[in-house]
Amino acid sequence: MKMEFDSRHGTASSNPDEAQVLWLNRNVAGIIPIGAVFALAGVYIAMEDTLEGAIPADIVNRANRGTAYGLMGAVNGRGDLIASALVGSVWTFISPALAFALAALLMLSGAALTYWNRPSRLPTSTAFHRGPRRL
């Protein structure tokens, strides 16, 4: 029985079909955790995008709402540019794994800041605070 090395799949086997199965099994095991991370990131983005539009409406009075949304857009744009440049640089010059870890840290930091600055923690004397929403 002669062993053959399949350079396309990076496996050695006496049967080419078996080599494909070995290659697929080895790579599927790595796809599942990556898929789970992307699914969690998708859930995070869905929640963040929803809250991004809802929170300013709860904490800013009607007269200042347009200014608040404009300021939020400017801050988000600048933050997205800086974060993308930072994570992209880490990905390119250091390692993709560290870039993913940095992106996760930045997302958790944003969630923590949102929690820390939630409307119930803001002082009622600010010019933009409207108080709790009444139904």
C-alpha atoms as a PDB file:
ATOM      1  CA  MET A   1       0.000   0.000   0.000  1.00  0.00           C
ATOM      2  CA  LYS A   2       1.521   3.259  -1.126  1.00  0.00           C
ATOM      3  CA  MET A   3       0.977   6.487   0.881  1.00  0.00           C
ATOM      4  CA  GLU A   4       0.367   9.566  -1.210  1.00  0.00           C
ATOM      5  CA  PHE A   5       0.740  13.164  -0.075  1.00  0.00           C
ATOM      6  CA  ASP A   6      -1.999  15.463  -1.310  1.00  0.00           C
ATOM      7  CA  SER A   7      -0.418  18.916  -1.533  1.00  0.00           C
ATOM      8  CA  ARG A   8      -3.790  20.608  -2.178  1.00  0.00           C
ATOM      9  CA  HIS A   9      -5.152  19.424   1.169  1.00  0.00           C
ATOM     10  CA  GLY A  10      -1.922  19.007   3.137  1.00  0.00           C
ATOM     11  CA  THR A  11      -2.717  15.408   4.101  1.00  0.00           C
ATOM     12  CA  ALA A  12      -1.150  12.006   3.547  1.00  0.00           C
ATOM     13  CA  SER A  13      -3.355   9.040   2.773  1.00  0.00           C
ATOM     14  CA  SER A  14      -3.477   5.906   0.662  1.00  0.00           C
ATOM     15  CA  ASN A  15      -6.895   6.976  -0.639  1.00  0.00           C
ATOM     16  CA  PRO A  16      -7.513  10.453  -2.172  1.00  0.00           C
ATOM     17  CA  ASP A  17     -11.124  10.463  -0.925  1.00  0.00           C
ATOM     18  CA  GLU A  18      -9.919   9.729   2.592  1.00  0.00           C
ATOM     19  CA  ALA A  19      -7.498  12.643   2.326  1.00  0.00           C
ATOM     20  CA  GLN A  20     -10.377  14.987   1.534  1.00  0.00           C
ATOM     21  CA  VAL A  21     -12.363  13.728   4.530  1.00  0.00           C
ATOM     22  CA  LEU A  22      -9.355  14.191   6.821  1.00  0.00           C
ATOM     23  CA  TRP A  23      -8.854  17.736   5.506  1.00  0.00           C
ATOM     24  CA  LEU A  24     -12.544  18.580   5.976  1.00  0.00           C
ATOM     25  CA  ASN A  25     -12.676  17.174   9.526  1.00  0.00           C
ATOM     26  CA  ARG A  26      -9.566  19.095  10.529  1.00  0.00           C
ATOM     27  CA  ASN A  27     -10.894  22.408   9.186  1.00  0.00           C
ATOM     28  CA  VAL A  28     -14.535  22.128  10.314  1.00  0.00           C
ATOM     29  CA  ALA A  29     -13.390  21.902  13.921  1.00  0.00           C
ATOM     30  CA  GLY A  30     -11.858  25.379  13.577  1.00  0.00           C
ATOM     31  CA  ILE A  31     -14.821  26.862  11.719  1.00  0.00           C
ATOM     32  CA  ILE A  32     -17.352  26.202  14.495  1.00  0.00           C
ATOM     33  CA  PRO A  33     -15.712  28.417  17.174  1.00  0.00           C
ATOM     34  CA  ILE A  34     -15.085  31.169  14.626  1.00  0.00           C
ATOM     35  CA  GLY A  35     -18.722  30.967  13.532  1.00  0.00           C
ATOM     36  CA  ALA A  36     -19.828  31.237  17.171  1.00  0.00           C
ATOM     37  CA  VAL A  37     -17.680  34.350  17.662  1.00  0.00           C
ATOM     38  CA  PHE A  38     -19.137  35.954  14.539  1.00  0.00           C
ATOM     39  CA  ALA A  39     -22.680  35.069  15.676  1.00  0.00           C
ATOM     40  CA  LEU A  40     -22.060  36.692  19.066  1.00  0.00           C
ATOM     41  CA  ALA A  41     -20.583  39.753  17.364  1.00  0.00           C
ATOM     42  CA  GLY A  42     -23.709  39.943  15.206  1.00  0.00           C
ATOM     43  CA  VAL A  43     -25.950  39.835  18.291  1.00  0.00           C
ATOM     44  CA  TYR A  44     -23.834  42.554  19.886  1.00  0.00           C
ATOM     45  CA  ILE A  45     -24.043  44.798  16.809  1.00  0.00           C
ATOM     46  CA  ALA A  46     -27.814  44.298  16.551  1.00  0.00           C
ATOM     47  CA  MET A  47     -28.285  45.339  20.185  1.00  0.00           C
ATOM     48  CA  GLU A  48     -25.831  48.229  19.919  1.00  0.00           C
ATOM     49  CA  ASP A  49     -27.426  49.661  16.780  1.00  0.00           C
ATOM     50  CA  THR A  50     -30.880  49.480  18.344  1.00  0.00           C
ATOM     51  CA  LEU A  51     -29.793  51.121  21.584  1.00  0.00           C
ATOM     52  CA  GLU A  52     -27.794  53.748  19.732  1.00  0.00           C
ATOM     53  CA  GLY A  53     -30.971  55.210  18.307  1.00  0.00           C
ATOM     54  CA  ALA A  54     -33.120  54.724  21.402  1.00  0.00           C
ATOM     55  CA  ILE A  55     -30.913  56.015  24.214  1.00  0.00           C
ATOM     56  CA  PRO A  56     -30.508  59.609  22.969  1.00  0.00           C
ATOM     57  CA  ALA A  57     -34.284  59.916  22.586  1.00  0.00           C
ATOM     58  CA  ASP A  58     -34.642  58.929  26.248  1.00  0.00           C
ATOM     59  CA  ILE A  59     -32.044  61.296  27.677  1.00  0.00           C
ATOM     60  CA  VAL A  60     -32.322  64.392  25.456  1.00  0.00           C
ATOM     61  CA  ASN A  61     -35.249  66.799  25.377  1.00  0.00           C
ATOM     62  CA  ARG A  62     -37.115  67.228  22.105  1.00  0.00           C
ATOM     63  CA  ALA A  63     -35.631  70.652  21.308  1.00  0.00           C
ATOM     64  CA  ASN A  64     -32.036  69.366  21.475  1.00  0.00           C
ATOM     65  CA  ARG A  65     -32.584  65.923  19.935  1.00  0.00           C
ATOM     66  CA  GLY A  66     -31.310  66.834  16.439  1.00  0.00           C
ATOM     67  CA  THR A  67     -28.107  68.285  17.869  1.00  0.00           C
ATOM     68  CA  ALA A  68     -27.631  65.212  20.046  1.00  0.00           C
ATOM     69  CA  TYR A  69     -28.033  62.819  17.109  1.00  0.00           C
ATOM     70  CA  GLY A  70     -25.629  64.917  15.009  1.00  0.00           C
ATOM     71  CA  LEU A  71     -23.038  64.965  17.786  1.00  0.00           C
ATOM     72  CA  MET A  72     -23.490  61.223  18.319  1.00  0.00           C
ATOM     73  CA  GLY A  73     -22.927  60.617  14.594  1.00  0.00           C
ATOM     74  CA  ALA A  74     -19.754  62.726  14.606  1.00  0.00           C
ATOM     75  CA  VAL A  75     -18.367  60.965  17.674  1.00  0.00           C
ATOM     76  CA  ASN A  76     -19.283  57.545  16.250  1.00  0.00           C
ATOM     77  CA  GLY A  77     -17.632  58.334  12.927  1.00  0.00           C
ATOM     78  CA  ARG A  78     -14.412  59.446  14.563  1.00  0.00           C
ATOM     79  CA  GLY A  79     -14.449  56.458  16.912  1.00  0.00           C
ATOM     80  CA  ASP A  80     -15.067  54.036  14.040  1.00  0.00           C
ATOM     81  CA  LEU A  81     -12.163  55.519  12.076  1.00  0.00           C
ATOM     82  CA  ILE A  82      -9.754  55.311  15.013  1.00  0.00           C
ATOM     83  CA  ALA A  83     -10.860  51.803  16.040  1.00  0.00           C
ATOM     84  CA  SER A  84     -10.651  50.491  12.468  1.00  0.00           C
ATOM     85  CA  ALA A  85      -7.178  51.952  11.970  1.00  0.00           C
ATOM     86  CA  LEU A  86      -6.002  50.570  15.316  1.00  0.00           C
ATOM     87  CA  VAL A  87      -7.423  47.065  14.873  1.00  0.00           C
ATOM     88  CA  GLY A  88      -6.327  46.953  11.220  1.00  0.00           C
ATOM     89  CA  SER A  89      -2.790  47.932  12.183  1.00  0.00           C
ATOM     90  CA  VAL A  90      -2.663  45.297  14.904  1.00  0.00           C
ATOM     91  CA  TRP A  91      -4.004  42.711  12.419  1.00  0.00           C
ATOM     92  CA  THR A  92      -1.408  43.651   9.793  1.00  0.00           C
ATOM     93  CA  PHE A  93       1.683  44.194  11.913  1.00  0.00           C
ATOM     94  CA  ILE A  94       1.201  41.949  14.969  1.00  0.00           C
ATOM     95  CA  SER A  95      -1.425  39.187  14.667  1.00  0.00           C
ATOM     96  CA  PRO A  96      -5.042  38.588  13.666  1.00  0.00           C
ATOM     97  CA  ALA A  97      -5.739  36.868  17.003  1.00  0.00           C
ATOM     98  CA  LEU A  98      -4.607  39.931  18.936  1.00  0.00           C
ATOM     99  CA  ALA A  99      -6.698  42.125  16.615  1.00  0.00           C
ATOM    100  CA  PHE A 100      -9.818  40.087  17.453  1.00  0.00           C
ATOM    101  CA  ALA A 101      -9.008  40.335  21.162  1.00  0.00           C
ATOM    102  CA  LEU A 102      -8.551  44.096  20.859  1.00  0.00           C
ATOM    103  CA  ALA A 103     -11.848  44.431  18.973  1.00  0.00           C
ATOM    104  CA  ALA A 104     -13.603  42.434  21.710  1.00  0.00           C
ATOM    105  CA  LEU A 105     -12.038  44.645  24.372  1.00  0.00           C
ATOM    106  CA  LEU A 106     -13.189  47.788  22.549  1.00  0.00           C
ATOM    107  CA  MET A 107     -16.746  46.395  22.245  1.00  0.00           C
ATOM    108  CA  LEU A 108     -16.850  45.488  25.945  1.00  0.00           C
ATOM    109  CA  SER A 109     -15.508  48.924  26.844  1.00  0.00           C
ATOM    110  CA  GLY A 110     -18.274  50.561  24.821  1.00  0.00           C
ATOM    111  CA  ALA A 111     -20.903  48.392  26.505  1.00  0.00           C
ATOM    112  CA  ALA A 112     -19.482  49.249  29.939  1.00  0.00           C
ATOM    113  CA  LEU A 113     -19.479  52.985  29.157  1.00  0.00           C
ATOM    114  CA  THR A 114     -23.067  52.764  27.931  1.00  0.00           C
ATOM    115  CA  TYR A 115     -24.064  50.978  31.127  1.00  0.00           C
ATOM    116  CA  TRP A 116     -22.151  53.434  33.304  1.00  0.00           C
ATOM    117  CA  ASN A 117     -23.781  56.434  31.594  1.00  0.00           C
ATOM    118  CA  ARG A 118     -27.317  55.048  31.492  1.00  0.00           C
ATOM    119  CA  PRO A 119     -30.114  57.581  32.097  1.00  0.00           C
ATOM    120  CA  SER A 120     -30.764  56.522  35.698  1.00  0.00           C
ATOM    121  CA  ARG A 121     -27.162  57.456  36.569  1.00  0.00           C
ATOM    122  CA  LEU A 122     -27.189  60.900  34.923  1.00  0.00           C
ATOM    123  CA  PRO A 123     -27.745  63.937  37.138  1.00  0.00           C
ATOM    124  CA  THR A 124     -31.179  65.490  36.712  1.00  0.00           C
ATOM    125  CA  SER A 125     -29.737  68.996  36.535  1.00  0.00           C
ATOM    126  CA  THR A 126     -28.201  68.582  33.063  1.00  0.00           C
ATOM    127  CA  ALA A 127     -29.712  70.671  30.283  1.00  0.00           C
ATOM    128  CA  PHE A 128     -30.311  67.616  28.096  1.00  0.00           C
ATOM    129  CA  HIS A 129     -31.964  65.324  30.650  1.00  0.00           C
ATOM    130  CA  ARG A 130     -35.673  64.869  30.148  1.00  0.00           C
ATOM    131  CA  GLY A 131     -36.423  62.383  32.939  1.00  0.00           C
ATOM    132  CA  PRO A 132     -37.953  58.936  32.650  1.00  0.00           C
ATOM    133  CA  ARG A 133     -40.254  58.241  29.740  1.00  0.00           C
ATOM    134  CA  ARG A 134     -43.922  58.169  30.757  1.00  0.00           C
ATOM    135  CA  LEU A 135     -46.291  55.847  28.959  1.00  0.00           C
END
